Amino acid sequence: MLDKIVICAECGSKMVLRDSKYGKFYGCGNYPRCQATHCAHQKTGEPMGVPTTKEGKKWRIDAHNAFDTLWKSGKMKRNDAYKWLADAMGITRKECHIGLFDIEQCKRCIDVVKGVKQC
């Protein structure tokens, strides 16, 4: 059983590990009043990153869309792209996971990726 307590970024309630036809995810324990969700690793049920608000989720998606172009193009391997991003953002490789980013870090990620794509 998973002992990790995941707190909803929208309302502060405990999130509950749930199953759906798409796989495991965390849903707010205050559902249906709060409909916040958070990703879970499919094998372990561990939360992927830290929960964020609806706005934060949107920024993380945008940051991933920008970042993923670096390695999906084949010009860099995924791990090398994360090392580059960590250096460019002035953070450690361990801190460089979009699932951990706040909104400002997501914006910074998008900006540094745009900068490299313009070169």
Protein backbone atom coordinates (compact mmCIF):
# COMPACT_ATOMS: atom_id res chain seq x y z
CA MET A 1 0.00 0.00 0.00
CA LEU A 2 1.18 3.50 -0.84
CA ASP A 3 1.97 5.61 2.22
CA LYS A 4 2.56 8.86 0.35
CA ILE A 5 0.06 11.59 1.20
CA VAL A 6 -0.78 13.74 -1.82
CA ILE A 7 -2.45 17.07 -1.13
CA CYS A 8 -4.73 18.80 -3.64
CA ALA A 9 -3.25 22.10 -4.83
CA GLU A 10 -6.73 23.48 -5.51
CA CYS A 11 -8.52 22.91 -2.18
CA GLY A 12 -6.00 21.37 0.24
CA SER A 13 -7.82 18.05 0.65
CA LYS A 14 -6.07 14.69 0.60
CA MET A 15 -5.99 13.14 -2.87
CA VAL A 16 -6.97 9.51 -3.40
CA LEU A 17 -5.27 7.04 -5.73
CA ARG A 18 -7.90 5.85 -8.19
CA ASP A 19 -8.13 3.59 -11.23
CA SER A 20 -9.81 4.44 -14.49
CA LYS A 21 -9.97 2.86 -17.92
CA TYR A 22 -6.92 5.06 -18.74
CA GLY A 23 -4.92 3.93 -15.69
CA LYS A 24 -4.04 5.16 -12.21
CA PHE A 25 -4.39 8.79 -11.15
CA TYR A 26 -4.94 10.87 -8.04
CA GLY A 27 -8.33 12.48 -7.66
CA CYS A 28 -9.26 15.02 -5.03
CA GLY A 29 -10.91 13.46 -1.99
CA ASN A 30 -13.32 16.40 -2.09
CA TYR A 31 -14.80 15.23 -5.42
CA PRO A 32 -17.26 16.27 -6.89
CA ARG A 33 -16.87 19.74 -5.33
CA CYS A 34 -13.22 19.76 -6.40
CA GLN A 35 -12.33 17.94 -9.60
CA ALA A 36 -8.55 18.30 -9.43
CA THR A 37 -6.47 15.36 -10.62
CA HIS A 38 -2.78 14.45 -10.63
CA CYS A 39 -0.78 11.85 -12.57
CA ALA A 40 0.44 8.61 -11.01
CA HIS A 41 3.05 6.10 -12.15
CA GLN A 42 1.08 3.23 -13.60
CA LYS A 43 3.14 0.45 -12.01
CA THR A 44 3.76 1.88 -8.53
CA GLY A 45 1.01 4.44 -7.99
CA GLU A 46 3.64 6.98 -6.93
CA PRO A 47 2.67 10.58 -7.75
CA MET A 48 4.44 12.00 -10.79
CA GLY A 49 5.93 15.26 -9.58
CA VAL A 50 3.91 17.45 -7.26
CA PRO A 51 0.27 18.47 -7.64
CA THR A 52 -0.44 21.90 -9.05
CA THR A 53 -3.45 24.05 -9.79
CA LYS A 54 -5.42 23.97 -13.03
CA GLU A 55 -3.37 26.96 -14.26
CA GLY A 56 -0.13 25.26 -13.23
CA LYS A 57 -1.14 22.12 -15.13
CA LYS A 58 -1.70 24.21 -18.27
CA TRP A 59 1.78 25.76 -17.93
CA ARG A 60 3.39 22.34 -17.38
CA ILE A 61 1.76 21.04 -20.56
CA ASP A 62 3.03 24.10 -22.47
CA ALA A 63 6.53 23.66 -21.00
CA HIS A 64 6.58 19.97 -22.00
CA ASN A 65 5.39 20.80 -25.50
CA ALA A 66 8.25 23.28 -25.88
CA PHE A 67 10.90 21.11 -24.20
CA ASP A 68 10.00 17.86 -25.95
CA THR A 69 10.87 19.40 -29.34
CA LEU A 70 14.54 19.41 -28.24
CA TRP A 71 14.85 15.66 -27.99
CA LYS A 72 12.05 14.43 -30.24
CA SER A 73 13.80 16.10 -33.17
CA GLY A 74 16.64 13.60 -32.70
CA LYS A 75 19.24 16.36 -32.25
CA MET A 76 19.60 15.54 -28.55
CA LYS A 77 18.90 12.51 -26.43
CA ARG A 78 16.22 13.05 -23.80
CA ASN A 79 18.61 12.87 -20.84
CA ASP A 80 21.04 15.28 -22.56
CA ALA A 81 18.16 17.69 -23.19
CA TYR A 82 17.29 17.64 -19.47
CA LYS A 83 20.95 18.27 -18.57
CA TRP A 84 21.03 21.20 -20.98
CA LEU A 85 17.77 22.60 -19.57
CA ALA A 86 19.03 22.32 -15.98
CA ASP A 87 22.19 24.25 -16.89
CA ALA A 88 20.23 26.86 -18.85
CA MET A 89 17.81 27.40 -15.95
CA GLY A 90 20.53 27.36 -13.27
CA ILE A 91 19.06 24.41 -11.37
CA THR A 92 20.32 20.92 -10.57
CA ARG A 93 19.48 17.98 -12.80
CA LYS A 94 17.47 16.50 -9.90
CA GLU A 95 15.34 19.68 -9.75
CA CYS A 96 14.90 19.69 -13.52
CA HIS A 97 11.65 17.82 -13.91
CA ILE A 98 8.68 19.66 -15.38
CA GLY A 99 6.39 17.79 -12.97
CA LEU A 100 8.12 19.71 -10.16
CA PHE A 101 8.04 23.13 -11.84
CA ASP A 102 5.91 26.00 -10.64
CA ILE A 103 4.37 28.43 -13.15
CA GLU A 104 7.39 30.76 -13.24
CA GLN A 105 9.76 27.85 -13.88
CA CYS A 106 7.49 26.65 -16.69
CA LYS A 107 7.60 30.11 -18.28
CA ARG A 108 11.39 30.16 -17.92
CA CYS A 109 11.63 26.71 -19.52
CA ILE A 110 9.59 27.87 -22.49
CA ASP A 111 11.74 31.00 -22.85
CA VAL A 112 15.08 29.16 -22.79
CA VAL A 113 13.86 26.55 -25.28
CA LYS A 114 12.60 29.30 -27.61
CA GLY A 115 16.03 30.94 -27.30
CA VAL A 116 17.89 27.82 -28.42
CA LYS A 117 15.45 27.19 -31.27
CA GLN A 118 16.06 30.70 -32.62
CA CYS A 119 19.83 30.12 -32.84
